[in-house]
Amino acid sequence: MPTYKEALNVHEDYALNNDKEPSAIRLLMLHISGYSGADFLSHQDEPMDEAKYLKFRKMVDEYVIAHRPVQHITECETFYGYRFCVNHHVLIPRFETEELVGYLLDLSETYFTKTDTPLHLLDVGTGSGCLAITLALENPRIKAQATEISPAALDVAKRNADSLQADVLFHEGNLLDPVLGQTFDILVSNPPYIPNKEVLDPLVKDHEPHLALFGGEDGLDFYRAILKDAERILNPRYIIAFEHAYDKARELKKLCKKYLSDVCIIQKKDMQGKDRMTFVLKKG
């Protein structure tokens, strides 16, 4: 059997020769070996167990030949330092969404200064639950609820909350409908925002749920639906936080002004310099 290092090098080249990312092969190797990045270096010259090697080769072919996302093969993704279960029923959490979490945590602490009072938060279209769960774990003041129309996605979110011991109340249903009659201080959402006719990489189009990807002809349908009814479930003083497509910041700002009055709108770029986040603040 080859050593871990030999197997990794050969299959990284295999990925490159098939226009795939060698970094994905390293993730598969770390998953199979059970070692962290640092531990792997100290074990890389050891021969691989035959069963592990054969499983590794099968996973590599799933990625390179069958075009399955690595996260679906390993059934996990790390988000904000937490390990989330993912599968084809939910959108794979992205790094840009971690930035949304960071900004929102900072903003909520400075905007709601009474530290002895809870912050009631709603995550709309929760998917894997990464937003609601992470925000609840990172800030004990946050009392999180989340909505999701897909029963299969909701099962994934509930499993993630259980495994991470996060106290989040989940509701099955469309957007705000399940929580009408309640009120919240914070509304956060990373809704589907890809225009229906946009051409996607097969790795995304063929494996991630279209329900979580496409947002109408211009990609803004879900923002309209949320903003139209947002103040029905928000307290007088509130924050709305959205992730959105990099080229939709200006249009989303217009929608916020159309549906909401007397608000402050803050838009942030991600680490790649792309307009990716919009925050709406109302003093009440």
C-alpha atoms as a PDB file:
ATOM      1  CA  MET A   1       0.000   0.000   0.000  1.00  0.00           C
ATOM      2  CA  PRO A   2       1.191   3.561  -0.679  1.00  0.00           C
ATOM      3  CA  THR A   3       1.921   5.953   2.141  1.00  0.00           C
ATOM      4  CA  TYR A   4      -0.582   8.696   2.948  1.00  0.00           C
ATOM      5  CA  LYS A   5       1.699  11.226   1.239  1.00  0.00           C
ATOM      6  CA  GLU A   6       2.128   9.112  -1.906  1.00  0.00           C
ATOM      7  CA  ALA A   7      -1.606   8.495  -2.237  1.00  0.00           C
ATOM      8  CA  LEU A   8      -2.334  12.174  -1.700  1.00  0.00           C
ATOM      9  CA  ASN A   9       0.194  13.345  -4.312  1.00  0.00           C
ATOM     10  CA  VAL A  10      -1.013  10.902  -6.974  1.00  0.00           C
ATOM     11  CA  HIS A  11      -4.662  11.788  -6.514  1.00  0.00           C
ATOM     12  CA  GLU A  12      -4.044  15.540  -6.329  1.00  0.00           C
ATOM     13  CA  ASP A  13      -2.425  15.222  -9.776  1.00  0.00           C
ATOM     14  CA  TYR A  14      -5.399  13.130 -10.909  1.00  0.00           C
ATOM     15  CA  ALA A  15      -7.764  15.918  -9.827  1.00  0.00           C
ATOM     16  CA  LEU A  16      -5.695  18.606 -11.559  1.00  0.00           C
ATOM     17  CA  ASN A  17      -5.615  16.621 -14.787  1.00  0.00           C
ATOM     18  CA  ASN A  18      -9.424  16.499 -14.683  1.00  0.00           C
ATOM     19  CA  ASP A  19      -9.915  20.213 -13.917  1.00  0.00           C
ATOM     20  CA  LYS A  20     -10.783  19.601 -10.280  1.00  0.00           C
ATOM     21  CA  GLU A  21      -9.388  21.176  -7.111  1.00  0.00           C
ATOM     22  CA  PRO A  22      -6.457  19.354  -5.438  1.00  0.00           C
ATOM     23  CA  SER A  23      -7.483  20.997  -2.153  1.00  0.00           C
ATOM     24  CA  ALA A  24     -10.639  18.862  -2.278  1.00  0.00           C
ATOM     25  CA  ILE A  25      -8.489  15.719  -2.429  1.00  0.00           C
ATOM     26  CA  ARG A  26      -6.646  16.834   0.681  1.00  0.00           C
ATOM     27  CA  LEU A  27      -9.971  17.268   2.497  1.00  0.00           C
ATOM     28  CA  LEU A  28     -10.958  13.739   1.516  1.00  0.00           C
ATOM     29  CA  MET A  29      -7.615  12.400   2.716  1.00  0.00           C
ATOM     30  CA  LEU A  30      -7.933  14.149   6.075  1.00  0.00           C
ATOM     31  CA  HIS A  31     -11.446  12.752   6.414  1.00  0.00           C
ATOM     32  CA  ILE A  32     -10.337   9.182   5.627  1.00  0.00           C
ATOM     33  CA  SER A  33      -7.168   9.306   7.731  1.00  0.00           C
ATOM     34  CA  GLY A  34      -8.902  10.793  10.756  1.00  0.00           C
ATOM     35  CA  TYR A  35      -5.958  13.125  11.294  1.00  0.00           C
ATOM     36  CA  SER A  36      -6.039  16.889  11.631  1.00  0.00           C
ATOM     37  CA  GLY A  37      -3.810  18.921   9.345  1.00  0.00           C
ATOM     38  CA  ALA A  38      -0.951  19.043  11.845  1.00  0.00           C
ATOM     39  CA  ASP A  39      -1.229  15.382  12.848  1.00  0.00           C
ATOM     40  CA  PHE A  40      -1.350  14.334   9.202  1.00  0.00           C
ATOM     41  CA  LEU A  41       2.137  15.740   8.610  1.00  0.00           C
ATOM     42  CA  SER A  42       3.592  13.525  11.319  1.00  0.00           C
ATOM     43  CA  HIS A  43       1.868  10.420   9.886  1.00  0.00           C
ATOM     44  CA  GLN A  44       2.137  11.110   6.148  1.00  0.00           C
ATOM     45  CA  ASP A  45       4.993   8.648   5.580  1.00  0.00           C
ATOM     46  CA  GLU A  46       3.092   5.733   7.106  1.00  0.00           C
ATOM     47  CA  PRO A  47       1.526   3.156   4.737  1.00  0.00           C
ATOM     48  CA  MET A  48      -2.232   3.422   4.363  1.00  0.00           C
ATOM     49  CA  ASP A  49      -4.495   0.682   5.591  1.00  0.00           C
ATOM     50  CA  GLU A  50      -5.879  -1.156   2.530  1.00  0.00           C
ATOM     51  CA  ALA A  51      -9.529  -0.579   3.470  1.00  0.00           C
ATOM     52  CA  LYS A  52      -8.905   3.143   3.975  1.00  0.00           C
ATOM     53  CA  TYR A  53      -7.020   3.368   0.687  1.00  0.00           C
ATOM     54  CA  LEU A  54      -9.801   1.714  -1.288  1.00  0.00           C
ATOM     55  CA  LYS A  55     -12.420   3.938   0.351  1.00  0.00           C
ATOM     56  CA  PHE A  56     -10.283   7.007  -0.376  1.00  0.00           C
ATOM     57  CA  ARG A  57     -10.028   6.063  -4.072  1.00  0.00           C
ATOM     58  CA  LYS A  58     -13.783   5.576  -4.263  1.00  0.00           C
ATOM     59  CA  MET A  59     -14.402   9.004  -2.707  1.00  0.00           C
ATOM     60  CA  VAL A  60     -11.935  10.644  -5.088  1.00  0.00           C
ATOM     61  CA  ASP A  61     -13.791   9.163  -8.068  1.00  0.00           C
ATOM     62  CA  GLU A  62     -17.094  10.399  -6.676  1.00  0.00           C
ATOM     63  CA  TYR A  63     -15.636  13.897  -6.670  1.00  0.00           C
ATOM     64  CA  VAL A  64     -13.632  13.803  -9.909  1.00  0.00           C
ATOM     65  CA  ILE A  65     -15.818  11.581 -12.109  1.00  0.00           C
ATOM     66  CA  ALA A  66     -19.319  11.865 -10.617  1.00  0.00           C
ATOM     67  CA  HIS A  67     -18.851  15.582  -9.763  1.00  0.00           C
ATOM     68  CA  ARG A  68     -20.222  15.185  -6.210  1.00  0.00           C
ATOM     69  CA  PRO A  69     -19.309  18.011  -3.809  1.00  0.00           C
ATOM     70  CA  VAL A  70     -16.723  16.951  -1.259  1.00  0.00           C
ATOM     71  CA  GLN A  71     -19.048  18.025   1.542  1.00  0.00           C
ATOM     72  CA  HIS A  72     -21.704  15.594   0.327  1.00  0.00           C
ATOM     73  CA  ILE A  73     -19.154  12.801   0.201  1.00  0.00           C
ATOM     74  CA  THR A  74     -17.929  13.445   3.754  1.00  0.00           C
ATOM     75  CA  GLU A  75     -21.423  14.575   4.863  1.00  0.00           C
ATOM     76  CA  CYS A  76     -20.019  17.494   6.836  1.00  0.00           C
ATOM     77  CA  GLU A  77     -18.777  21.064   6.583  1.00  0.00           C
ATOM     78  CA  THR A  78     -17.136  23.317   9.151  1.00  0.00           C
ATOM     79  CA  PHE A  79     -18.863  26.656   9.659  1.00  0.00           C
ATOM     80  CA  TYR A  80     -17.626  29.278  12.121  1.00  0.00           C
ATOM     81  CA  GLY A  81     -15.637  26.533  13.854  1.00  0.00           C
ATOM     82  CA  TYR A  82     -18.642  24.215  14.249  1.00  0.00           C
ATOM     83  CA  ARG A  83     -19.106  20.917  12.443  1.00  0.00           C
ATOM     84  CA  PHE A  84     -22.384  20.773  10.498  1.00  0.00           C
ATOM     85  CA  CYS A  85     -23.988  17.790   8.839  1.00  0.00           C
ATOM     86  CA  VAL A  86     -24.840  18.506   5.194  1.00  0.00           C
ATOM     87  CA  ASN A  87     -26.383  16.505   2.366  1.00  0.00           C
ATOM     88  CA  HIS A  88     -28.207  17.060  -0.924  1.00  0.00           C
ATOM     89  CA  HIS A  89     -31.243  18.462   0.918  1.00  0.00           C
ATOM     90  CA  VAL A  90     -29.443  21.612   2.126  1.00  0.00           C
ATOM     91  CA  LEU A  91     -27.179  24.294   0.745  1.00  0.00           C
ATOM     92  CA  ILE A  92     -23.540  23.775   1.717  1.00  0.00           C
ATOM     93  CA  PRO A  93     -22.560  26.630   4.101  1.00  0.00           C
ATOM     94  CA  ARG A  94     -20.177  29.101   2.458  1.00  0.00           C
ATOM     95  CA  PHE A  95     -17.384  31.227   3.878  1.00  0.00           C
ATOM     96  CA  GLU A  96     -19.217  34.446   2.942  1.00  0.00           C
ATOM     97  CA  THR A  97     -22.022  33.470   5.290  1.00  0.00           C
ATOM     98  CA  GLU A  98     -19.515  33.253   8.146  1.00  0.00           C
ATOM     99  CA  GLU A  99     -18.804  36.927   7.497  1.00  0.00           C
ATOM    100  CA  LEU A 100     -22.523  37.700   7.801  1.00  0.00           C
ATOM    101  CA  VAL A 101     -22.517  36.003  11.211  1.00  0.00           C
ATOM    102  CA  GLY A 102     -19.503  37.989  12.388  1.00  0.00           C
ATOM    103  CA  TYR A 103     -20.942  41.334  11.333  1.00  0.00           C
ATOM    104  CA  LEU A 104     -24.326  40.546  12.850  1.00  0.00           C
ATOM    105  CA  LEU A 105     -22.847  39.481  16.194  1.00  0.00           C
ATOM    106  CA  ASP A 106     -20.931  42.767  16.441  1.00  0.00           C
ATOM    107  CA  LEU A 107     -23.847  44.882  15.277  1.00  0.00           C
ATOM    108  CA  SER A 108     -26.378  43.292  17.627  1.00  0.00           C
ATOM    109  CA  GLU A 109     -24.171  43.954  20.656  1.00  0.00           C
ATOM    110  CA  THR A 110     -23.765  47.644  19.841  1.00  0.00           C
ATOM    111  CA  TYR A 111     -27.382  48.186  18.740  1.00  0.00           C
ATOM    112  CA  PHE A 112     -29.105  46.388  21.614  1.00  0.00           C
ATOM    113  CA  THR A 113     -27.171  47.694  24.600  1.00  0.00           C
ATOM    114  CA  LYS A 114     -29.302  46.305  27.444  1.00  0.00           C
ATOM    115  CA  THR A 115     -27.154  43.262  28.068  1.00  0.00           C
ATOM    116  CA  ASP A 116     -29.567  41.735  30.595  1.00  0.00           C
ATOM    117  CA  THR A 117     -32.383  41.348  28.046  1.00  0.00           C
ATOM    118  CA  PRO A 118     -32.712  38.503  25.515  1.00  0.00           C
ATOM    119  CA  LEU A 119     -32.564  39.095  21.781  1.00  0.00           C
ATOM    120  CA  HIS A 120     -35.254  37.242  19.876  1.00  0.00           C
ATOM    121  CA  LEU A 121     -33.951  36.215  16.471  1.00  0.00           C
ATOM    122  CA  LEU A 122     -35.618  34.631  13.450  1.00  0.00           C
ATOM    123  CA  ASP A 123     -33.653  32.851  10.714  1.00  0.00           C
ATOM    124  CA  VAL A 124     -35.809  32.641   7.577  1.00  0.00           C
ATOM    125  CA  GLY A 125     -35.143  29.649   5.314  1.00  0.00           C
ATOM    126  CA  THR A 126     -32.656  28.033   7.659  1.00  0.00           C
ATOM    127  CA  GLY A 127     -31.455  25.114   5.503  1.00  0.00           C
ATOM    128  CA  SER A 128     -28.725  23.339   7.483  1.00  0.00           C
ATOM    129  CA  GLY A 129     -29.445  25.643  10.421  1.00  0.00           C
ATOM    130  CA  CYS A 130     -25.958  27.153  10.283  1.00  0.00           C
ATOM    131  CA  LEU A 131     -27.088  30.751  10.849  1.00  0.00           C
ATOM    132  CA  ALA A 132     -29.554  30.247  13.710  1.00  0.00           C
ATOM    133  CA  ILE A 133     -27.422  27.620  15.452  1.00  0.00           C
ATOM    134  CA  THR A 134     -24.149  29.534  15.212  1.00  0.00           C
ATOM    135  CA  LEU A 135     -25.679  32.826  16.337  1.00  0.00           C
ATOM    136  CA  ALA A 136     -27.357  31.127  19.307  1.00  0.00           C
ATOM    137  CA  LEU A 137     -24.106  29.413  20.310  1.00  0.00           C
ATOM    138  CA  GLU A 138     -21.978  32.530  19.920  1.00  0.00           C
ATOM    139  CA  ASN A 139     -24.264  34.893  21.858  1.00  0.00           C
ATOM    140  CA  PRO A 140     -26.152  33.496  24.880  1.00  0.00           C
ATOM    141  CA  ARG A 141     -28.516  36.501  24.725  1.00  0.00           C
ATOM    142  CA  ILE A 142     -29.900  35.285  21.411  1.00  0.00           C
ATOM    143  CA  LYS A 143     -33.073  33.210  21.591  1.00  0.00           C
ATOM    144  CA  ALA A 144     -33.271  31.765  18.103  1.00  0.00           C
ATOM    145  CA  GLN A 145     -36.112  30.439  16.025  1.00  0.00           C
ATOM    146  CA  ALA A 146     -35.962  29.367  12.386  1.00  0.00           C
ATOM    147  CA  THR A 147     -38.326  28.588   9.526  1.00  0.00           C
ATOM    148  CA  GLU A 148     -37.848  26.181   6.628  1.00  0.00           C
ATOM    149  CA  ILE A 149     -40.284  25.006   3.955  1.00  0.00           C
ATOM    150  CA  SER A 150     -38.438  21.752   3.194  1.00  0.00           C
ATOM    151  CA  PRO A 151     -39.138  18.943   5.712  1.00  0.00           C
ATOM    152  CA  ALA A 152     -35.951  17.155   4.636  1.00  0.00           C
ATOM    153  CA  ALA A 153     -33.832  20.268   5.216  1.00  0.00           C
ATOM    154  CA  LEU A 154     -35.543  20.823   8.554  1.00  0.00           C
ATOM    155  CA  ASP A 155     -34.524  17.329   9.653  1.00  0.00           C
ATOM    156  CA  VAL A 156     -30.889  18.205   8.875  1.00  0.00           C
ATOM    157  CA  ALA A 157     -31.133  21.478  10.825  1.00  0.00           C
ATOM    158  CA  LYS A 158     -32.640  19.728  13.844  1.00  0.00           C
ATOM    159  CA  ARG A 159     -29.897  17.092  13.804  1.00  0.00           C
ATOM    160  CA  ASN A 160     -27.271  19.826  13.711  1.00  0.00           C
ATOM    161  CA  ALA A 161     -28.864  21.659  16.621  1.00  0.00           C
ATOM    162  CA  ASP A 162     -28.964  18.443  18.641  1.00  0.00           C
ATOM    163  CA  SER A 163     -25.365  17.502  17.899  1.00  0.00           C
ATOM    164  CA  LEU A 164     -24.110  21.009  18.734  1.00  0.00           C
ATOM    165  CA  GLN A 165     -26.435  21.344  21.750  1.00  0.00           C
ATOM    166  CA  ALA A 166     -27.944  24.570  20.434  1.00  0.00           C
ATOM    167  CA  ASP A 167     -31.309  25.734  21.718  1.00  0.00           C
ATOM    168  CA  VAL A 168     -33.159  26.672  18.526  1.00  0.00           C
ATOM    169  CA  LEU A 169     -36.904  26.375  17.905  1.00  0.00           C
ATOM    170  CA  PHE A 170     -37.640  25.220  14.343  1.00  0.00           C
ATOM    171  CA  HIS A 171     -40.859  25.708  12.361  1.00  0.00           C
ATOM    172  CA  GLU A 172     -41.866  24.044   9.106  1.00  0.00           C
ATOM    173  CA  GLY A 173     -43.462  26.450   6.647  1.00  0.00           C
ATOM    174  CA  ASN A 174     -42.948  29.201   4.107  1.00  0.00           C
ATOM    175  CA  LEU A 175     -40.837  32.229   5.068  1.00  0.00           C
ATOM    176  CA  LEU A 176     -42.608  34.203   7.847  1.00  0.00           C
ATOM    177  CA  ASP A 177     -45.892  32.295   7.846  1.00  0.00           C
ATOM    178  CA  PRO A 178     -45.073  29.914  10.744  1.00  0.00           C
ATOM    179  CA  VAL A 179     -44.305  32.758  13.181  1.00  0.00           C
ATOM    180  CA  LEU A 180     -47.030  35.297  12.392  1.00  0.00           C
ATOM    181  CA  GLY A 181     -48.289  36.503  15.766  1.00  0.00           C
ATOM    182  CA  GLN A 182     -44.807  36.561  17.309  1.00  0.00           C
ATOM    183  CA  THR A 183     -42.295  39.424  17.290  1.00  0.00           C
ATOM    184  CA  PHE A 184     -38.507  39.467  16.980  1.00  0.00           C
ATOM    185  CA  ASP A 185     -35.604  41.862  17.413  1.00  0.00           C
ATOM    186  CA  ILE A 186     -33.509  40.397  14.612  1.00  0.00           C
ATOM    187  CA  LEU A 187     -34.440  38.855  11.280  1.00  0.00           C
ATOM    188  CA  VAL A 188     -31.624  37.152   9.382  1.00  0.00           C
ATOM    189  CA  SER A 189     -31.820  35.347   6.072  1.00  0.00           C
ATOM    190  CA  ASN A 190     -29.653  33.920   3.320  1.00  0.00           C
ATOM    191  CA  PRO A 191     -32.504  33.111   0.916  1.00  0.00           C
ATOM    192  CA  PRO A 192     -32.245  31.632  -2.567  1.00  0.00           C
ATOM    193  CA  TYR A 193     -30.900  34.432  -4.776  1.00  0.00           C
ATOM    194  CA  ILE A 194     -29.685  32.974  -8.062  1.00  0.00           C
ATOM    195  CA  PRO A 195     -31.743  34.134 -11.092  1.00  0.00           C
ATOM    196  CA  ASN A 196     -33.687  31.243 -12.614  1.00  0.00           C
ATOM    197  CA  LYS A 197     -31.887  31.323 -15.957  1.00  0.00           C
ATOM    198  CA  GLU A 198     -28.343  31.713 -14.628  1.00  0.00           C
ATOM    199  CA  VAL A 199     -25.973  28.948 -15.735  1.00  0.00           C
ATOM    200  CA  LEU A 200     -24.358  27.145 -12.785  1.00  0.00           C
ATOM    201  CA  ASP A 201     -21.397  24.861 -12.338  1.00  0.00           C
ATOM    202  CA  PRO A 202     -22.659  21.251 -12.531  1.00  0.00           C
ATOM    203  CA  LEU A 203     -21.092  20.644  -9.113  1.00  0.00           C
ATOM    204  CA  VAL A 204     -23.707  23.054  -7.713  1.00  0.00           C
ATOM    205  CA  LYS A 205     -26.620  22.646 -10.159  1.00  0.00           C
ATOM    206  CA  ASP A 206     -26.669  18.862 -10.084  1.00  0.00           C
ATOM    207  CA  HIS A 207     -26.144  18.317  -6.375  1.00  0.00           C
ATOM    208  CA  GLU A 208     -27.480  21.196  -4.297  1.00  0.00           C
ATOM    209  CA  PRO A 209     -31.236  21.727  -3.810  1.00  0.00           C
ATOM    210  CA  HIS A 210     -32.771  24.051  -6.397  1.00  0.00           C
ATOM    211  CA  LEU A 211     -35.234  25.151  -3.718  1.00  0.00           C
ATOM    212  CA  ALA A 212     -32.289  26.743  -1.902  1.00  0.00           C
ATOM    213  CA  LEU A 213     -30.641  28.192  -5.011  1.00  0.00           C
ATOM    214  CA  PHE A 214     -33.064  29.942  -7.348  1.00  0.00           C
ATOM    215  CA  GLY A 215     -34.855  33.165  -6.459  1.00  0.00           C
ATOM    216  CA  GLY A 216     -36.994  34.062  -9.463  1.00  0.00           C
ATOM    217  CA  GLU A 217     -36.277  35.874 -12.703  1.00  0.00           C
ATOM    218  CA  ASP A 218     -34.029  38.481 -11.072  1.00  0.00           C
ATOM    219  CA  GLY A 219     -33.087  36.472  -7.975  1.00  0.00           C
ATOM    220  CA  LEU A 220     -34.932  38.859  -5.629  1.00  0.00           C
ATOM    221  CA  ASP A 221     -38.321  37.186  -5.185  1.00  0.00           C
ATOM    222  CA  PHE A 222     -37.653  35.986  -1.651  1.00  0.00           C
ATOM    223  CA  TYR A 223     -36.326  39.364  -0.508  1.00  0.00           C
ATOM    224  CA  ARG A 224     -39.543  40.997  -1.741  1.00  0.00           C
ATOM    225  CA  ALA A 225     -41.677  38.437   0.079  1.00  0.00           C
ATOM    226  CA  ILE A 226     -39.724  38.833   3.318  1.00  0.00           C
ATOM    227  CA  LEU A 227     -39.539  42.632   3.257  1.00  0.00           C
ATOM    228  CA  LYS A 228     -43.224  43.007   2.396  1.00  0.00           C
ATOM    229  CA  ASP A 229     -44.268  41.388   5.677  1.00  0.00           C
ATOM    230  CA  ALA A 230     -41.152  41.903   7.815  1.00  0.00           C
ATOM    231  CA  GLU A 231     -42.558  44.570  10.131  1.00  0.00           C
ATOM    232  CA  ARG A 232     -45.505  42.310  10.988  1.00  0.00           C
ATOM    233  CA  ILE A 233     -43.113  40.150  12.988  1.00  0.00           C
ATOM    234  CA  LEU A 234     -40.508  42.704  14.103  1.00  0.00           C
ATOM    235  CA  ASN A 235     -40.362  44.827  17.239  1.00  0.00           C
ATOM    236  CA  PRO A 236     -40.191  48.645  16.887  1.00  0.00           C
ATOM    237  CA  ARG A 237     -36.394  48.515  17.240  1.00  0.00           C
ATOM    238  CA  TYR A 238     -34.933  45.878  14.937  1.00  0.00           C
ATOM    239  CA  ILE A 239     -32.163  44.614  12.692  1.00  0.00           C
ATOM    240  CA  ILE A 240     -32.645  42.819   9.380  1.00  0.00           C
ATOM    241  CA  ALA A 241     -29.576  41.045   7.989  1.00  0.00           C
ATOM    242  CA  PHE A 242     -29.363  39.614   4.468  1.00  0.00           C
ATOM    243  CA  GLU A 243     -26.761  37.831   2.417  1.00  0.00           C
ATOM    244  CA  HIS A 244     -27.255  38.400  -1.308  1.00  0.00           C
ATOM    245  CA  ALA A 245     -25.642  38.150  -4.728  1.00  0.00           C
ATOM    246  CA  TYR A 246     -22.640  40.429  -5.255  1.00  0.00           C
ATOM    247  CA  ASP A 247     -24.377  42.321  -8.094  1.00  0.00           C
ATOM    248  CA  LYS A 248     -27.712  42.931  -6.341  1.00  0.00           C
ATOM    249  CA  ALA A 249     -26.766  45.354  -3.556  1.00  0.00           C
ATOM    250  CA  ARG A 250     -28.188  48.433  -5.270  1.00  0.00           C
ATOM    251  CA  GLU A 251     -31.466  46.729  -6.186  1.00  0.00           C
ATOM    252  CA  LEU A 252     -31.866  45.272  -2.713  1.00  0.00           C
ATOM    253  CA  LYS A 253     -31.310  48.684  -1.158  1.00  0.00           C
ATOM    254  CA  LYS A 254     -34.148  50.051  -3.319  1.00  0.00           C
ATOM    255  CA  LEU A 255     -36.413  47.217  -2.158  1.00  0.00           C
ATOM    256  CA  CYS A 256     -35.615  47.962   1.483  1.00  0.00           C
ATOM    257  CA  LYS A 257     -36.568  51.611   0.947  1.00  0.00           C
ATOM    258  CA  LYS A 258     -39.729  50.578  -0.881  1.00  0.00           C
ATOM    259  CA  TYR A 259     -41.070  48.347   1.880  1.00  0.00           C
ATOM    260  CA  LEU A 260     -39.585  49.986   4.999  1.00  0.00           C
ATOM    261  CA  SER A 261     -39.492  53.589   6.192  1.00  0.00           C
ATOM    262  CA  ASP A 262     -37.240  55.513   8.592  1.00  0.00           C
ATOM    263  CA  VAL A 263     -34.512  52.881   8.475  1.00  0.00           C
ATOM    264  CA  CYS A 264     -30.720  52.991   8.232  1.00  0.00           C
ATOM    265  CA  ILE A 265     -29.299  50.715   5.538  1.00  0.00           C
ATOM    266  CA  ILE A 266     -25.703  49.480   5.832  1.00  0.00           C
ATOM    267  CA  GLN A 267     -24.095  47.414   3.082  1.00  0.00           C
ATOM    268  CA  LYS A 268     -20.861  45.479   3.529  1.00  0.00           C
ATOM    269  CA  LYS A 269     -18.375  43.859   1.186  1.00  0.00           C
ATOM    270  CA  ASP A 270     -17.006  40.379   1.773  1.00  0.00           C
ATOM    271  CA  MET A 271     -13.289  39.589   1.999  1.00  0.00           C
ATOM    272  CA  GLN A 272     -13.115  39.362  -1.788  1.00  0.00           C
ATOM    273  CA  GLY A 273     -14.346  42.944  -2.042  1.00  0.00           C
ATOM    274  CA  LYS A 274     -17.785  41.954  -3.337  1.00  0.00           C
ATOM    275  CA  ASP A 275     -21.033  43.557  -2.159  1.00  0.00           C
ATOM    276  CA  ARG A 276     -22.541  40.645  -0.270  1.00  0.00           C
ATOM    277  CA  MET A 277     -24.362  41.788   2.888  1.00  0.00           C
ATOM    278  CA  THR A 278     -27.124  44.269   3.678  1.00  0.00           C
ATOM    279  CA  PHE A 279     -28.201  45.311   7.177  1.00  0.00           C
ATOM    280  CA  VAL A 280     -31.344  47.298   7.911  1.00  0.00           C
ATOM    281  CA  LEU A 281     -31.623  49.049  11.290  1.00  0.00           C
ATOM    282  CA  LYS A 282     -34.670  50.720  12.790  1.00  0.00           C
ATOM    283  CA  LYS A 283     -34.456  52.610  16.085  1.00  0.00           C
ATOM    284  CA  GLY A 284     -38.138  52.358  16.993  1.00  0.00           C
END
